Amino acid sequence: MKAWFPWVSLVARLVLGGVMLVAGALKVTDPETAAQAVRAYELLPSSLVQPVGWGLPFLEIAIGLLLIVGFGVRASAAAAGVFMIVFIVAVSSAWARGLSIDCGCFGGGGQVAAGQTKYLQEILRDIGLLALAVWLWWQPVSKFAVVSEPQGVIAS
């Protein structure tokens, strides 16, 4: 491991964890709007929309907090990475099907005017966050983490 890897991992932890925490916190206070955002994608059966819309913010907050404090970094990064892949697929699907929706990533969500969509920016942002998650899965050891030496660290 290079001497600067733990510093890069610290920045990755704080950025990815911060984004997850803020995204969840902005949605957790308004679960109906979060469910509306999930519904707008038209991907899930109606019976799953509300549980996903209500539960997603809590999972985002939990993953964000774990990353920020540096506990279970590899597992938290893997979970965040799965979230990013799901978000990329969902936004790409909405774009490909011609839906005009706000992603609901940071609250809000639902229908918007055709010129108001920001699909490309949302996908690029999520690809960047996915890259941070992959880095953290590969190099989970970082500065100022609660657990600095997780078991099973992949040698570089």
Protein backbone atom coordinates (compact mmCIF):
# COMPACT_ATOMS: atom_id res chain seq x y z
CA MET A 1 0.00 0.00 0.00
CA LYS A 2 1.32 3.42 -0.90
CA ALA A 3 1.65 5.94 1.93
CA TRP A 4 -0.95 8.28 0.42
CA PHE A 5 -3.64 5.61 -0.09
CA PRO A 6 -5.08 6.05 3.43
CA TRP A 7 -5.48 9.78 2.76
CA VAL A 8 -7.30 9.15 -0.52
CA SER A 9 -9.49 6.63 1.29
CA LEU A 10 -10.27 9.22 3.97
CA VAL A 11 -11.42 11.72 1.35
CA ALA A 12 -13.42 9.02 -0.45
CA ARG A 13 -15.05 7.95 2.83
CA LEU A 14 -16.04 11.50 3.73
CA VAL A 15 -17.33 12.44 0.27
CA LEU A 16 -19.29 9.23 -0.36
CA GLY A 17 -20.50 9.03 3.24
CA GLY A 18 -21.45 12.70 3.25
CA VAL A 19 -23.45 12.39 0.04
CA MET A 20 -25.26 9.29 1.33
CA LEU A 21 -25.97 10.94 4.69
CA VAL A 22 -27.30 14.17 3.16
CA ALA A 23 -29.38 12.32 0.56
CA GLY A 24 -31.00 10.20 3.25
CA ALA A 25 -31.48 13.06 5.70
CA LEU A 26 -33.24 15.21 3.10
CA LYS A 27 -35.70 12.39 2.36
CA VAL A 28 -36.27 10.91 5.80
CA THR A 29 -38.42 13.82 6.98
CA ASP A 30 -40.85 13.47 4.06
CA PRO A 31 -41.42 9.77 3.36
CA GLU A 32 -44.45 10.40 1.14
CA THR A 33 -42.38 12.51 -1.25
CA ALA A 34 -39.64 9.87 -1.18
CA ALA A 35 -42.23 7.25 -2.14
CA GLN A 36 -43.51 9.57 -4.89
CA ALA A 37 -39.96 9.78 -6.28
CA VAL A 38 -39.70 5.97 -6.32
CA ARG A 39 -43.14 5.71 -7.98
CA ALA A 40 -42.13 8.16 -10.74
CA TYR A 41 -39.55 5.70 -12.10
CA GLU A 42 -42.35 3.21 -12.90
CA LEU A 43 -40.03 0.27 -12.17
CA LEU A 44 -41.46 -1.32 -9.02
CA PRO A 45 -44.83 -2.89 -8.35
CA SER A 46 -47.08 -0.51 -6.44
CA SER A 47 -46.90 -2.77 -3.38
CA LEU A 48 -43.14 -2.09 -3.07
CA VAL A 49 -43.12 1.65 -3.77
CA GLN A 50 -43.98 2.79 -0.26
CA PRO A 51 -41.68 0.39 1.64
CA VAL A 52 -38.76 1.28 -0.65
CA GLY A 53 -39.53 5.00 -0.50
CA TRP A 54 -39.77 4.94 3.27
CA GLY A 55 -36.84 2.58 3.91
CA LEU A 56 -34.30 3.92 1.43
CA PRO A 57 -33.51 7.12 3.38
CA PHE A 58 -32.74 5.16 6.55
CA LEU A 59 -30.38 2.85 4.66
CA GLU A 60 -28.65 5.84 3.04
CA ILE A 61 -28.20 7.47 6.45
CA ALA A 62 -26.82 4.26 7.98
CA ILE A 63 -24.35 3.70 5.14
CA GLY A 64 -23.32 7.35 5.23
CA LEU A 65 -22.67 7.30 8.97
CA LEU A 66 -20.67 4.06 8.79
CA LEU A 67 -18.50 5.50 6.03
CA ILE A 68 -17.97 8.81 7.81
CA VAL A 69 -16.85 7.21 11.07
CA GLY A 70 -14.88 4.51 9.27
CA PHE A 71 -16.56 1.41 10.60
CA GLY A 72 -17.19 -1.51 8.27
CA VAL A 73 -15.76 0.49 5.39
CA ARG A 74 -15.51 -2.34 2.87
CA ALA A 75 -19.09 -3.55 3.49
CA SER A 76 -20.46 0.01 3.58
CA ALA A 77 -18.64 0.87 0.36
CA ALA A 78 -20.01 -2.27 -1.28
CA ALA A 79 -23.55 -1.32 -0.21
CA ALA A 80 -23.07 2.24 -1.46
CA GLY A 81 -21.71 0.86 -4.73
CA VAL A 82 -24.77 -1.33 -5.19
CA PHE A 83 -26.96 1.71 -4.51
CA MET A 84 -25.07 3.72 -7.15
CA ILE A 85 -25.45 0.94 -9.73
CA VAL A 86 -29.19 0.74 -9.00
CA PHE A 87 -29.49 4.54 -9.25
CA ILE A 88 -27.54 4.62 -12.54
CA VAL A 89 -29.75 1.89 -14.01
CA ALA A 90 -32.95 3.58 -12.78
CA VAL A 91 -32.03 7.03 -14.13
CA SER A 92 -30.82 5.53 -17.43
CA SER A 93 -34.08 3.61 -17.70
CA ALA A 94 -36.15 6.74 -17.09
CA TRP A 95 -34.12 8.60 -19.70
CA ALA A 96 -34.38 5.77 -22.26
CA ARG A 97 -38.15 5.49 -21.76
CA GLY A 98 -38.64 9.24 -22.22
CA LEU A 99 -39.89 9.91 -18.69
CA SER A 100 -39.56 13.48 -17.45
CA ILE A 101 -38.82 13.07 -13.75
CA ASP A 102 -36.56 14.50 -11.10
CA CYS A 103 -34.29 11.76 -9.75
CA GLY A 104 -35.39 12.41 -6.16
CA CYS A 105 -31.79 11.83 -5.07
CA PHE A 106 -31.79 14.71 -2.60
CA GLY A 107 -35.49 14.96 -1.82
CA GLY A 108 -38.26 15.98 -4.14
CA GLY A 109 -38.81 13.76 -7.13
CA GLY A 110 -41.72 13.10 -9.40
CA GLN A 111 -42.73 14.61 -12.71
CA VAL A 112 -40.95 17.66 -14.15
CA ALA A 113 -41.19 19.55 -17.43
CA ALA A 114 -39.41 17.87 -20.35
CA GLY A 115 -36.57 20.42 -20.38
CA GLN A 116 -36.00 20.16 -16.63
CA THR A 117 -34.44 16.70 -16.54
CA LYS A 118 -30.75 16.34 -15.65
CA TYR A 119 -30.20 12.70 -16.47
CA LEU A 120 -26.66 12.98 -17.84
CA GLN A 121 -25.41 14.98 -14.84
CA GLU A 122 -27.10 12.55 -12.43
CA ILE A 123 -25.57 9.53 -14.15
CA LEU A 124 -22.10 11.10 -14.25
CA ARG A 125 -22.35 12.05 -10.56
CA ASP A 126 -23.36 8.51 -9.64
CA ILE A 127 -20.53 7.04 -11.74
CA GLY A 128 -18.11 9.24 -9.78
CA LEU A 129 -19.62 8.08 -6.49
CA LEU A 130 -19.44 4.48 -7.70
CA ALA A 131 -15.73 5.01 -8.40
CA LEU A 132 -15.28 6.17 -4.79
CA ALA A 133 -17.12 3.07 -3.55
CA VAL A 134 -14.89 0.81 -5.66
CA TRP A 135 -11.78 2.56 -4.32
CA LEU A 136 -12.97 2.07 -0.75
CA TRP A 137 -13.75 -1.58 -1.35
CA TRP A 138 -10.23 -2.02 -2.72
CA GLN A 139 -8.49 0.22 -0.14
CA PRO A 140 -10.69 0.40 2.98
CA VAL A 141 -7.87 1.40 5.34
CA SER A 142 -7.95 5.16 5.92
CA LYS A 143 -6.88 7.84 8.32
CA PHE A 144 -9.09 8.69 11.29
CA ALA A 145 -11.27 5.58 10.96
CA VAL A 146 -12.81 3.85 13.96
CA VAL A 147 -11.40 0.57 12.63
CA SER A 148 -8.08 1.17 10.89
CA GLU A 149 -7.11 -2.41 9.98
CA PRO A 150 -10.11 -4.40 8.69
CA GLN A 151 -9.60 -8.11 8.19
CA GLY A 152 -9.13 -9.29 4.66
CA VAL A 153 -7.52 -6.15 3.25
CA ILE A 154 -6.59 -6.74 -0.35
CA ALA A 155 -2.84 -6.38 -0.81
CA SER A 156 -1.69 -3.92 -3.43
